Amino acid sequence: MTSEDRKVQYKGFRMVESDLIRELVVAFTVVTAVVVVAAALFSSPDPKTFTAKQYANQDPVGFQTSALGFLTGDDPIASYGPPYNHQSGSLQSLGFFSPQSWFGVTIPVNAARDFFIVPLTRMEVLDPTIGPALRTWTNATPTQRASWEKAYASALRRAKVSKGGQVALRSTSAGPLPALMAAYLDLARTGTLESIINQSGRIVQTDFTRALLPFGGSPLEQRAASDKLLGSQWGMMKEPGNYPGAVWLWFYTFLYQIPPYNSAPAGDLMVGLTVGVVTLLLLLVPWIPGLRDIPRWVRIYRLIWRDHYAGRGK
């Protein structure tokens, strides 16, 4: 078969020889180059995940201060309210309208037990020396625990970090707390604290809510502030740094920048309701008399489709 014969092989259609492998290689190379260049020019930075291990190594005193908050109730989650507990620290409502209360506690969390006591109890299997201090704590009265917590908080304010990374305290009458806090710091440095807190007994774990809660107060807030991700910094629609992120959330995060949303105790609820109402109005535009006629009245469509309407005189 000659070269000319090979060009006409399918029902009279002219066939053109091509090297499919070469075309695939060229296409793959070009697309890869475009992706790499675009990623270098437009991608956002990808900082490392904030972990308890990182926090414990970088700021041992701050880590223990946060851990003490689990026991004293000063941690934001300990007093948050629904859906974690029955407190009211972050409960939002507008008069009788309080969806947060209506749905109630759906993710029950006891900060002292779930974030502190349970992890140390499980660690006792590997380090039996924790046992005596743990039992002394659990068997103590609430009044005695409060006294130890106050003494340890006072000692932490004057604490320093030794060369070995341990928290050095002056003598304190905090009972078993120094031993428990040292063990808790060691546990965090192993990198397993979040997994212990998040254990649910399931074979496949897809819900990591509990692992995110323990240090969701000051530590994560400081990290967010450094990356310009706070609500006052338009953080909801941004990615780390000054790169653009979810720009379609501009209206949602814009409300957080203006009064009364940025100062009201129920600001989150007000923002959610406002966005919900506006979204509902947009969805119902075709069925709302008057509102659905605005485009016909303003006749902007004639400007957009001016070529179509040119010469029609309408």
C-alpha atoms as a PDB file:
ATOM      1  CA  MET A   1       0.000   0.000   0.000  1.00  0.00           C
ATOM      2  CA  THR A   2       1.430   3.311  -1.058  1.00  0.00           C
ATOM      3  CA  SER A   3       1.530   6.447   1.064  1.00  0.00           C
ATOM      4  CA  GLU A   4      -1.297   7.925  -1.036  1.00  0.00           C
ATOM      5  CA  ASP A   5      -3.421   4.799  -0.517  1.00  0.00           C
ATOM      6  CA  ARG A   6      -2.982   5.033   3.253  1.00  0.00           C
ATOM      7  CA  LYS A   7      -4.407   8.577   3.247  1.00  0.00           C
ATOM      8  CA  VAL A   8      -7.770   7.343   1.949  1.00  0.00           C
ATOM      9  CA  GLN A   9      -8.822   4.435   4.107  1.00  0.00           C
ATOM     10  CA  TYR A  10     -12.129   5.250   5.745  1.00  0.00           C
ATOM     11  CA  LYS A  11     -15.209   5.586   3.538  1.00  0.00           C
ATOM     12  CA  GLY A  12     -13.582   8.055   1.228  1.00  0.00           C
ATOM     13  CA  PHE A  13     -12.398  10.421   3.971  1.00  0.00           C
ATOM     14  CA  ARG A  14      -8.856  11.660   3.589  1.00  0.00           C
ATOM     15  CA  MET A  15      -6.629  10.393   6.389  1.00  0.00           C
ATOM     16  CA  VAL A  16      -3.590  12.287   7.652  1.00  0.00           C
ATOM     17  CA  GLU A  17      -0.744  10.471   9.330  1.00  0.00           C
ATOM     18  CA  SER A  18       0.177  11.653  12.846  1.00  0.00           C
ATOM     19  CA  ASP A  19       2.375  10.583  15.720  1.00  0.00           C
ATOM     20  CA  LEU A  20      -0.048  10.193  18.659  1.00  0.00           C
ATOM     21  CA  ILE A  21       2.715   9.517  21.180  1.00  0.00           C
ATOM     22  CA  ARG A  22       4.566  12.666  20.176  1.00  0.00           C
ATOM     23  CA  GLU A  23       1.389  14.727  20.438  1.00  0.00           C
ATOM     24  CA  LEU A  24       0.676  13.367  23.917  1.00  0.00           C
ATOM     25  CA  VAL A  25       4.206  14.112  25.079  1.00  0.00           C
ATOM     26  CA  VAL A  26       4.095  17.658  23.702  1.00  0.00           C
ATOM     27  CA  ALA A  27       0.664  18.329  25.234  1.00  0.00           C
ATOM     28  CA  PHE A  28       1.728  16.937  28.610  1.00  0.00           C
ATOM     29  CA  THR A  29       4.927  19.000  28.600  1.00  0.00           C
ATOM     30  CA  VAL A  30       3.165  22.245  27.707  1.00  0.00           C
ATOM     31  CA  VAL A  31       0.376  21.768  30.259  1.00  0.00           C
ATOM     32  CA  THR A  32       2.886  20.853  32.971  1.00  0.00           C
ATOM     33  CA  ALA A  33       4.954  23.959  32.242  1.00  0.00           C
ATOM     34  CA  VAL A  34       1.852  26.195  32.358  1.00  0.00           C
ATOM     35  CA  VAL A  35       0.740  24.662  35.667  1.00  0.00           C
ATOM     36  CA  VAL A  36       4.181  25.088  37.254  1.00  0.00           C
ATOM     37  CA  VAL A  37       4.487  28.719  36.132  1.00  0.00           C
ATOM     38  CA  ALA A  38       0.922  29.553  37.208  1.00  0.00           C
ATOM     39  CA  ALA A  39       1.478  27.905  40.592  1.00  0.00           C
ATOM     40  CA  ALA A  40       4.671  29.892  41.121  1.00  0.00           C
ATOM     41  CA  LEU A  41       2.960  33.177  40.233  1.00  0.00           C
ATOM     42  CA  PHE A  42      -0.508  32.799  41.733  1.00  0.00           C
ATOM     43  CA  SER A  43      -0.505  30.070  44.393  1.00  0.00           C
ATOM     44  CA  SER A  44      -0.857  30.744  48.111  1.00  0.00           C
ATOM     45  CA  PRO A  45       1.704  29.777  50.742  1.00  0.00           C
ATOM     46  CA  ASP A  46       1.061  26.475  52.479  1.00  0.00           C
ATOM     47  CA  PRO A  47       2.186  26.848  56.108  1.00  0.00           C
ATOM     48  CA  LYS A  48       2.606  23.793  58.266  1.00  0.00           C
ATOM     49  CA  THR A  49      -0.355  22.598  60.304  1.00  0.00           C
ATOM     50  CA  PHE A  50      -0.552  23.987  63.821  1.00  0.00           C
ATOM     51  CA  THR A  51      -0.119  21.075  66.251  1.00  0.00           C
ATOM     52  CA  ALA A  52       0.069  20.543  69.989  1.00  0.00           C
ATOM     53  CA  LYS A  53       3.592  19.181  69.470  1.00  0.00           C
ATOM     54  CA  GLN A  54       4.680  22.409  67.793  1.00  0.00           C
ATOM     55  CA  TYR A  55       3.040  24.513  70.501  1.00  0.00           C
ATOM     56  CA  ALA A  56       4.586  22.452  73.317  1.00  0.00           C
ATOM     57  CA  ASN A  57       8.071  22.742  71.835  1.00  0.00           C
ATOM     58  CA  GLN A  58       7.939  26.442  70.960  1.00  0.00           C
ATOM     59  CA  ASP A  59       6.173  27.745  74.057  1.00  0.00           C
ATOM     60  CA  PRO A  60       6.078  25.215  76.933  1.00  0.00           C
ATOM     61  CA  VAL A  61       4.842  27.786  79.466  1.00  0.00           C
ATOM     62  CA  GLY A  62       2.075  28.959  77.157  1.00  0.00           C
ATOM     63  CA  PHE A  63       1.148  25.342  76.466  1.00  0.00           C
ATOM     64  CA  GLN A  64       0.812  24.560  80.156  1.00  0.00           C
ATOM     65  CA  THR A  65      -1.142  27.773  80.696  1.00  0.00           C
ATOM     66  CA  SER A  66      -3.625  26.650  78.054  1.00  0.00           C
ATOM     67  CA  ALA A  67      -3.791  23.188  79.621  1.00  0.00           C
ATOM     68  CA  LEU A  68      -4.475  24.709  83.018  1.00  0.00           C
ATOM     69  CA  GLY A  69      -7.409  26.528  81.424  1.00  0.00           C
ATOM     70  CA  PHE A  70      -9.035  23.157  80.727  1.00  0.00           C
ATOM     71  CA  LEU A  71      -9.131  22.506  84.482  1.00  0.00           C
ATOM     72  CA  THR A  72     -10.062  25.998  85.667  1.00  0.00           C
ATOM     73  CA  GLY A  73     -12.752  26.573  83.047  1.00  0.00           C
ATOM     74  CA  ASP A  74     -10.900  29.536  81.506  1.00  0.00           C
ATOM     75  CA  ASP A  75     -10.446  27.733  78.200  1.00  0.00           C
ATOM     76  CA  PRO A  76     -12.920  29.095  75.597  1.00  0.00           C
ATOM     77  CA  ILE A  77     -14.407  25.650  74.948  1.00  0.00           C
ATOM     78  CA  ALA A  78     -14.932  24.982  78.664  1.00  0.00           C
ATOM     79  CA  SER A  79     -17.405  27.875  78.843  1.00  0.00           C
ATOM     80  CA  TYR A  80     -18.468  28.003  75.188  1.00  0.00           C
ATOM     81  CA  GLY A  81     -22.004  26.651  75.336  1.00  0.00           C
ATOM     82  CA  PRO A  82     -23.881  24.691  72.643  1.00  0.00           C
ATOM     83  CA  PRO A  83     -22.991  22.588  70.740  1.00  0.00           C
ATOM     84  CA  TYR A  84     -20.242  21.568  73.212  1.00  0.00           C
ATOM     85  CA  ASN A  85     -21.734  22.086  76.676  1.00  0.00           C
ATOM     86  CA  HIS A  86     -24.496  23.827  78.600  1.00  0.00           C
ATOM     87  CA  GLN A  87     -22.505  26.973  79.408  1.00  0.00           C
ATOM     88  CA  SER A  88     -23.218  30.351  77.828  1.00  0.00           C
ATOM     89  CA  GLY A  89     -19.821  31.929  77.113  1.00  0.00           C
ATOM     90  CA  SER A  90     -20.431  32.126  73.352  1.00  0.00           C
ATOM     91  CA  LEU A  91     -24.197  31.732  73.224  1.00  0.00           C
ATOM     92  CA  GLN A  92     -25.773  34.052  70.639  1.00  0.00           C
ATOM     93  CA  SER A  93     -29.428  34.984  70.329  1.00  0.00           C
ATOM     94  CA  LEU A  94     -31.700  37.737  69.069  1.00  0.00           C
ATOM     95  CA  GLY A  95     -34.575  37.865  71.507  1.00  0.00           C
ATOM     96  CA  PHE A  96     -36.388  34.550  71.361  1.00  0.00           C
ATOM     97  CA  PHE A  97     -34.475  33.570  68.215  1.00  0.00           C
ATOM     98  CA  SER A  98     -31.640  31.311  69.393  1.00  0.00           C
ATOM     99  CA  PRO A  99     -30.892  28.382  67.048  1.00  0.00           C
ATOM    100  CA  GLN A 100     -27.769  27.598  69.064  1.00  0.00           C
ATOM    101  CA  SER A 101     -29.925  26.824  72.116  1.00  0.00           C
ATOM    102  CA  TRP A 102     -32.607  25.042  70.100  1.00  0.00           C
ATOM    103  CA  PHE A 103     -30.187  22.500  68.642  1.00  0.00           C
ATOM    104  CA  GLY A 104     -28.546  22.027  72.043  1.00  0.00           C
ATOM    105  CA  VAL A 105     -25.419  20.037  72.858  1.00  0.00           C
ATOM    106  CA  THR A 106     -24.651  17.864  69.859  1.00  0.00           C
ATOM    107  CA  ILE A 107     -20.888  17.443  70.420  1.00  0.00           C
ATOM    108  CA  PRO A 108     -20.617  17.022  74.206  1.00  0.00           C
ATOM    109  CA  VAL A 109     -17.233  18.153  75.482  1.00  0.00           C
ATOM    110  CA  ASN A 110     -15.959  18.312  79.042  1.00  0.00           C
ATOM    111  CA  ALA A 111     -12.682  20.187  78.607  1.00  0.00           C
ATOM    112  CA  ALA A 112     -11.065  19.045  81.880  1.00  0.00           C
ATOM    113  CA  ARG A 113     -11.957  15.407  81.334  1.00  0.00           C
ATOM    114  CA  ASP A 114     -11.649  15.050  77.544  1.00  0.00           C
ATOM    115  CA  PHE A 115      -8.623  17.271  76.928  1.00  0.00           C
ATOM    116  CA  PHE A 116      -6.572  16.593  80.069  1.00  0.00           C
ATOM    117  CA  ILE A 117      -7.586  13.703  82.323  1.00  0.00           C
ATOM    118  CA  VAL A 118      -8.439  11.144  79.625  1.00  0.00           C
ATOM    119  CA  PRO A 119      -5.182  11.607  77.637  1.00  0.00           C
ATOM    120  CA  LEU A 120      -3.128  11.234  80.840  1.00  0.00           C
ATOM    121  CA  THR A 121      -5.145   8.171  81.862  1.00  0.00           C
ATOM    122  CA  ARG A 122      -4.337   6.505  78.550  1.00  0.00           C
ATOM    123  CA  MET A 123      -0.698   7.525  78.854  1.00  0.00           C
ATOM    124  CA  GLU A 124      -0.510   5.772  82.231  1.00  0.00           C
ATOM    125  CA  VAL A 125      -0.328   2.447  80.387  1.00  0.00           C
ATOM    126  CA  LEU A 126       3.078   3.488  79.009  1.00  0.00           C
ATOM    127  CA  ASP A 127       4.201   5.501  82.038  1.00  0.00           C
ATOM    128  CA  PRO A 128       2.837   4.059  85.318  1.00  0.00           C
ATOM    129  CA  THR A 129       4.499   6.853  87.322  1.00  0.00           C
ATOM    130  CA  ILE A 130       1.629   9.115  86.313  1.00  0.00           C
ATOM    131  CA  GLY A 131      -0.847   6.968  88.224  1.00  0.00           C
ATOM    132  CA  PRO A 132      -0.329   8.243  91.806  1.00  0.00           C
ATOM    133  CA  ALA A 133      -0.536  11.929  90.814  1.00  0.00           C
ATOM    134  CA  LEU A 134      -3.568  11.258  88.627  1.00  0.00           C
ATOM    135  CA  ARG A 135      -5.435   9.447  91.412  1.00  0.00           C
ATOM    136  CA  THR A 136      -4.548  12.171  93.914  1.00  0.00           C
ATOM    137  CA  TRP A 137      -6.081  14.703  91.587  1.00  0.00           C
ATOM    138  CA  THR A 138      -9.244  12.763  90.763  1.00  0.00           C
ATOM    139  CA  ASN A 139      -9.882  11.897  94.436  1.00  0.00           C
ATOM    140  CA  ALA A 140      -9.450  15.487  95.658  1.00  0.00           C
ATOM    141  CA  THR A 141     -12.392  17.745  96.466  1.00  0.00           C
ATOM    142  CA  PRO A 142     -13.314  20.626  94.134  1.00  0.00           C
ATOM    143  CA  THR A 143     -12.085  23.078  96.776  1.00  0.00           C
ATOM    144  CA  GLN A 144      -8.708  21.381  96.994  1.00  0.00           C
ATOM    145  CA  ARG A 145      -8.361  21.272  93.204  1.00  0.00           C
ATOM    146  CA  ALA A 146      -9.169  24.973  92.972  1.00  0.00           C
ATOM    147  CA  SER A 147      -6.438  25.703  95.527  1.00  0.00           C
ATOM    148  CA  TRP A 148      -3.882  23.692  93.541  1.00  0.00           C
ATOM    149  CA  GLU A 149      -4.948  25.374  90.294  1.00  0.00           C
ATOM    150  CA  LYS A 150      -4.533  28.830  91.807  1.00  0.00           C
ATOM    151  CA  ALA A 151      -1.100  27.966  93.179  1.00  0.00           C
ATOM    152  CA  TYR A 152       0.054  26.508  89.865  1.00  0.00           C
ATOM    153  CA  ALA A 153      -1.243  29.489  87.897  1.00  0.00           C
ATOM    154  CA  SER A 154       0.747  31.801  90.177  1.00  0.00           C
ATOM    155  CA  ALA A 155       3.873  29.672  89.722  1.00  0.00           C
ATOM    156  CA  LEU A 156       3.482  29.621  85.935  1.00  0.00           C
ATOM    157  CA  ARG A 157       3.595  33.405  85.797  1.00  0.00           C
ATOM    158  CA  ARG A 158       7.145  33.240  87.163  1.00  0.00           C
ATOM    159  CA  ALA A 159       8.192  30.056  85.378  1.00  0.00           C
ATOM    160  CA  LYS A 160      11.146  29.724  83.038  1.00  0.00           C
ATOM    161  CA  VAL A 161      12.117  27.113  80.493  1.00  0.00           C
ATOM    162  CA  SER A 162      15.197  25.021  81.227  1.00  0.00           C
ATOM    163  CA  LYS A 163      17.768  24.031  78.621  1.00  0.00           C
ATOM    164  CA  GLY A 164      16.062  20.661  78.339  1.00  0.00           C
ATOM    165  CA  GLY A 165      12.799  22.306  77.379  1.00  0.00           C
ATOM    166  CA  GLN A 166      11.092  21.617  80.709  1.00  0.00           C
ATOM    167  CA  VAL A 167       9.107  24.209  82.648  1.00  0.00           C
ATOM    168  CA  ALA A 168      11.104  25.197  85.730  1.00  0.00           C
ATOM    169  CA  LEU A 169       8.902  26.300  88.646  1.00  0.00           C
ATOM    170  CA  ARG A 170       9.747  27.700  92.004  1.00  0.00           C
ATOM    171  CA  SER A 171       8.494  25.680  94.937  1.00  0.00           C
ATOM    172  CA  THR A 172       4.720  25.595  94.874  1.00  0.00           C
ATOM    173  CA  SER A 173       1.929  24.024  96.876  1.00  0.00           C
ATOM    174  CA  ALA A 174       0.099  22.807  93.774  1.00  0.00           C
ATOM    175  CA  GLY A 175      -0.151  19.185  94.873  1.00  0.00           C
ATOM    176  CA  PRO A 176      -0.008  16.725  91.945  1.00  0.00           C
ATOM    177  CA  LEU A 177      -0.368  19.392  89.257  1.00  0.00           C
ATOM    178  CA  PRO A 178       3.383  19.889  88.528  1.00  0.00           C
ATOM    179  CA  ALA A 179       3.779  16.162  87.850  1.00  0.00           C
ATOM    180  CA  LEU A 180       0.609  16.015  85.755  1.00  0.00           C
ATOM    181  CA  MET A 181       1.573  19.090  83.742  1.00  0.00           C
ATOM    182  CA  ALA A 182       5.064  17.749  83.062  1.00  0.00           C
ATOM    183  CA  ALA A 183       3.563  14.460  81.863  1.00  0.00           C
ATOM    184  CA  TYR A 184       1.035  16.322  79.710  1.00  0.00           C
ATOM    185  CA  LEU A 185       3.834  18.366  78.120  1.00  0.00           C
ATOM    186  CA  ASP A 186       5.768  15.172  77.352  1.00  0.00           C
ATOM    187  CA  LEU A 187       2.643  13.593  75.860  1.00  0.00           C
ATOM    188  CA  ALA A 188       2.106  16.560  73.532  1.00  0.00           C
ATOM    189  CA  ARG A 189       5.720  16.400  72.388  1.00  0.00           C
ATOM    190  CA  THR A 190       5.217  12.841  71.205  1.00  0.00           C
ATOM    191  CA  GLY A 191       2.757  14.126  68.609  1.00  0.00           C
ATOM    192  CA  THR A 192      -0.069  11.829  69.744  1.00  0.00           C
ATOM    193  CA  LEU A 193      -2.146  14.184  71.900  1.00  0.00           C
ATOM    194  CA  GLU A 194      -4.622  15.147  69.147  1.00  0.00           C
ATOM    195  CA  SER A 195      -5.184  11.523  68.117  1.00  0.00           C
ATOM    196  CA  ILE A 196      -5.902  10.521  71.725  1.00  0.00           C
ATOM    197  CA  ILE A 197      -8.361  13.384  72.191  1.00  0.00           C
ATOM    198  CA  ASN A 198     -10.070  12.615  68.893  1.00  0.00           C
ATOM    199  CA  GLN A 199     -10.530   8.875  69.448  1.00  0.00           C
ATOM    200  CA  SER A 200     -14.140   7.831  68.889  1.00  0.00           C
ATOM    201  CA  GLY A 201     -13.885   4.059  68.629  1.00  0.00           C
ATOM    202  CA  ARG A 202     -14.546   4.110  64.886  1.00  0.00           C
ATOM    203  CA  ILE A 203     -12.414   2.134  62.479  1.00  0.00           C
ATOM    204  CA  VAL A 204     -12.353   5.023  59.989  1.00  0.00           C
ATOM    205  CA  GLN A 205     -12.146   8.517  61.503  1.00  0.00           C
ATOM    206  CA  THR A 206     -13.395  11.413  59.385  1.00  0.00           C
ATOM    207  CA  ASP A 207     -14.505  13.885  62.079  1.00  0.00           C
ATOM    208  CA  PHE A 208     -11.571  15.768  63.607  1.00  0.00           C
ATOM    209  CA  THR A 209     -13.594  18.373  65.484  1.00  0.00           C
ATOM    210  CA  ARG A 210     -12.351  17.377  68.933  1.00  0.00           C
ATOM    211  CA  ALA A 211      -8.724  17.463  67.814  1.00  0.00           C
ATOM    212  CA  LEU A 212      -9.152  21.107  66.755  1.00  0.00           C
ATOM    213  CA  LEU A 213     -10.817  22.327  69.935  1.00  0.00           C
ATOM    214  CA  PRO A 214      -8.183  22.157  72.732  1.00  0.00           C
ATOM    215  CA  PHE A 215      -6.037  25.074  71.585  1.00  0.00           C
ATOM    216  CA  GLY A 216      -8.631  27.025  69.627  1.00  0.00           C
ATOM    217  CA  GLY A 217      -8.285  30.083  71.838  1.00  0.00           C
ATOM    218  CA  SER A 218      -5.179  32.226  72.134  1.00  0.00           C
ATOM    219  CA  PRO A 219      -2.675  29.931  70.318  1.00  0.00           C
ATOM    220  CA  LEU A 220      -4.664  29.617  67.111  1.00  0.00           C
ATOM    221  CA  GLU A 221      -5.815  33.226  67.308  1.00  0.00           C
ATOM    222  CA  GLN A 222      -2.207  34.412  67.438  1.00  0.00           C
ATOM    223  CA  ARG A 223      -1.359  32.192  64.483  1.00  0.00           C
ATOM    224  CA  ALA A 224      -4.345  33.531  62.531  1.00  0.00           C
ATOM    225  CA  ALA A 225      -3.396  37.122  63.330  1.00  0.00           C
ATOM    226  CA  SER A 226       0.132  36.591  62.012  1.00  0.00           C
ATOM    227  CA  ASP A 227      -1.310  35.205  58.758  1.00  0.00           C
ATOM    228  CA  LYS A 228      -3.887  38.046  58.485  1.00  0.00           C
ATOM    229  CA  LEU A 229      -6.788  35.615  58.849  1.00  0.00           C
ATOM    230  CA  LEU A 230      -8.773  37.220  61.672  1.00  0.00           C
ATOM    231  CA  GLY A 231     -12.345  38.284  61.034  1.00  0.00           C
ATOM    232  CA  SER A 232     -11.297  41.938  61.265  1.00  0.00           C
ATOM    233  CA  GLN A 233      -8.666  41.208  58.588  1.00  0.00           C
ATOM    234  CA  TRP A 234     -11.156  39.820  56.043  1.00  0.00           C
ATOM    235  CA  GLY A 235      -9.885  36.395  56.974  1.00  0.00           C
ATOM    236  CA  MET A 236     -12.954  34.454  55.841  1.00  0.00           C
ATOM    237  CA  MET A 237     -12.239  35.160  52.183  1.00  0.00           C
ATOM    238  CA  LYS A 238      -8.439  35.067  52.404  1.00  0.00           C
ATOM    239  CA  GLU A 239      -5.741  32.454  52.362  1.00  0.00           C
ATOM    240  CA  PRO A 240      -2.555  32.726  54.454  1.00  0.00           C
ATOM    241  CA  GLY A 241      -0.702  35.928  53.706  1.00  0.00           C
ATOM    242  CA  ASN A 242      -1.940  38.507  51.224  1.00  0.00           C
ATOM    243  CA  TYR A 243      -2.985  36.087  48.499  1.00  0.00           C
ATOM    244  CA  PRO A 244      -6.593  36.006  47.268  1.00  0.00           C
ATOM    245  CA  GLY A 245      -8.687  33.135  48.515  1.00  0.00           C
ATOM    246  CA  ALA A 246     -12.443  32.535  48.556  1.00  0.00           C
ATOM    247  CA  VAL A 247     -13.359  35.871  46.980  1.00  0.00           C
ATOM    248  CA  TRP A 248     -16.972  34.733  46.506  1.00  0.00           C
ATOM    249  CA  LEU A 249     -17.389  35.191  50.277  1.00  0.00           C
ATOM    250  CA  TRP A 250     -16.760  38.936  50.025  1.00  0.00           C
ATOM    251  CA  PHE A 251     -20.300  39.886  51.071  1.00  0.00           C
ATOM    252  CA  TYR A 252     -20.263  37.567  54.071  1.00  0.00           C
ATOM    253  CA  THR A 253     -16.945  38.851  55.415  1.00  0.00           C
ATOM    254  CA  PHE A 254     -17.737  42.459  54.443  1.00  0.00           C
ATOM    255  CA  LEU A 255     -20.517  42.507  57.027  1.00  0.00           C
ATOM    256  CA  TYR A 256     -17.979  41.742  59.767  1.00  0.00           C
ATOM    257  CA  GLN A 257     -16.202  45.022  58.968  1.00  0.00           C
ATOM    258  CA  ILE A 258     -19.168  47.351  59.524  1.00  0.00           C
ATOM    259  CA  PRO A 259     -21.448  48.193  62.453  1.00  0.00           C
ATOM    260  CA  PRO A 260     -23.519  46.821  64.017  1.00  0.00           C
ATOM    261  CA  TYR A 261     -22.190  43.419  62.937  1.00  0.00           C
ATOM    262  CA  ASN A 262     -18.586  44.015  64.038  1.00  0.00           C
ATOM    263  CA  SER A 263     -19.545  44.962  67.604  1.00  0.00           C
ATOM    264  CA  ALA A 264     -22.820  43.196  68.407  1.00  0.00           C
ATOM    265  CA  PRO A 265     -22.684  40.256  70.887  1.00  0.00           C
ATOM    266  CA  ALA A 266     -24.736  38.234  68.395  1.00  0.00           C
ATOM    267  CA  GLY A 267     -22.713  39.373  65.378  1.00  0.00           C
ATOM    268  CA  ASP A 268     -22.278  35.895  63.905  1.00  0.00           C
ATOM    269  CA  LEU A 269     -26.000  35.215  64.095  1.00  0.00           C
ATOM    270  CA  MET A 270     -26.816  38.604  62.547  1.00  0.00           C
ATOM    271  CA  VAL A 271     -24.391  38.030  59.681  1.00  0.00           C
ATOM    272  CA  GLY A 272     -25.787  34.566  59.023  1.00  0.00           C
ATOM    273  CA  LEU A 273     -29.364  35.835  58.986  1.00  0.00           C
ATOM    274  CA  THR A 274     -28.519  38.758  56.713  1.00  0.00           C
ATOM    275  CA  VAL A 275     -26.723  36.555  54.187  1.00  0.00           C
ATOM    276  CA  GLY A 276     -29.580  34.045  54.366  1.00  0.00           C
ATOM    277  CA  VAL A 277     -32.260  36.668  53.713  1.00  0.00           C
ATOM    278  CA  VAL A 278     -30.335  38.264  50.830  1.00  0.00           C
ATOM    279  CA  THR A 279     -29.669  34.850  49.272  1.00  0.00           C
ATOM    280  CA  LEU A 280     -33.349  33.923  49.580  1.00  0.00           C
ATOM    281  CA  LEU A 281     -34.379  37.173  47.898  1.00  0.00           C
ATOM    282  CA  LEU A 282     -32.013  36.499  45.001  1.00  0.00           C
ATOM    283  CA  LEU A 283     -33.410  32.982  44.593  1.00  0.00           C
ATOM    284  CA  LEU A 284     -36.987  34.249  44.614  1.00  0.00           C
ATOM    285  CA  VAL A 285     -36.458  37.183  42.217  1.00  0.00           C
ATOM    286  CA  PRO A 286     -38.338  35.465  39.335  1.00  0.00           C
ATOM    287  CA  TRP A 287     -41.444  35.093  41.547  1.00  0.00           C
ATOM    288  CA  ILE A 288     -41.528  38.484  43.309  1.00  0.00           C
ATOM    289  CA  PRO A 289     -43.749  41.003  41.430  1.00  0.00           C
ATOM    290  CA  GLY A 290     -42.040  44.335  40.956  1.00  0.00           C
ATOM    291  CA  LEU A 291     -38.604  43.029  41.863  1.00  0.00           C
ATOM    292  CA  ARG A 292     -38.562  40.687  38.891  1.00  0.00           C
ATOM    293  CA  ASP A 293     -39.491  43.610  36.587  1.00  0.00           C
ATOM    294  CA  ILE A 294     -36.506  45.798  37.500  1.00  0.00           C
ATOM    295  CA  PRO A 295     -34.292  44.503  34.638  1.00  0.00           C
ATOM    296  CA  ARG A 296     -37.071  45.304  32.149  1.00  0.00           C
ATOM    297  CA  TRP A 297     -37.474  48.802  33.564  1.00  0.00           C
ATOM    298  CA  VAL A 298     -33.784  49.726  33.644  1.00  0.00           C
ATOM    299  CA  ARG A 299     -33.259  48.141  30.192  1.00  0.00           C
ATOM    300  CA  ILE A 300     -29.620  47.254  30.813  1.00  0.00           C
ATOM    301  CA  TYR A 301     -30.174  44.221  28.626  1.00  0.00           C
ATOM    302  CA  ARG A 302     -30.343  46.511  25.593  1.00  0.00           C
ATOM    303  CA  LEU A 303     -26.813  47.693  26.309  1.00  0.00           C
ATOM    304  CA  ILE A 304     -25.534  44.151  26.685  1.00  0.00           C
ATOM    305  CA  TRP A 305     -27.283  42.940  23.513  1.00  0.00           C
ATOM    306  CA  ARG A 306     -26.899  46.194  21.589  1.00  0.00           C
ATOM    307  CA  ASP A 307     -25.868  44.402  18.393  1.00  0.00           C
ATOM    308  CA  HIS A 308     -29.077  42.425  18.442  1.00  0.00           C
ATOM    309  CA  TYR A 309     -31.250  45.497  18.991  1.00  0.00           C
ATOM    310  CA  ALA A 310     -29.363  47.736  16.544  1.00  0.00           C
ATOM    311  CA  GLY A 311     -31.726  48.970  13.859  1.00  0.00           C
ATOM    312  CA  ARG A 312     -34.849  47.485  15.432  1.00  0.00           C
ATOM    313  CA  GLY A 313     -35.939  50.798  16.894  1.00  0.00           C
ATOM    314  CA  LYS A 314     -37.300  49.167  20.062  1.00  0.00           C
END
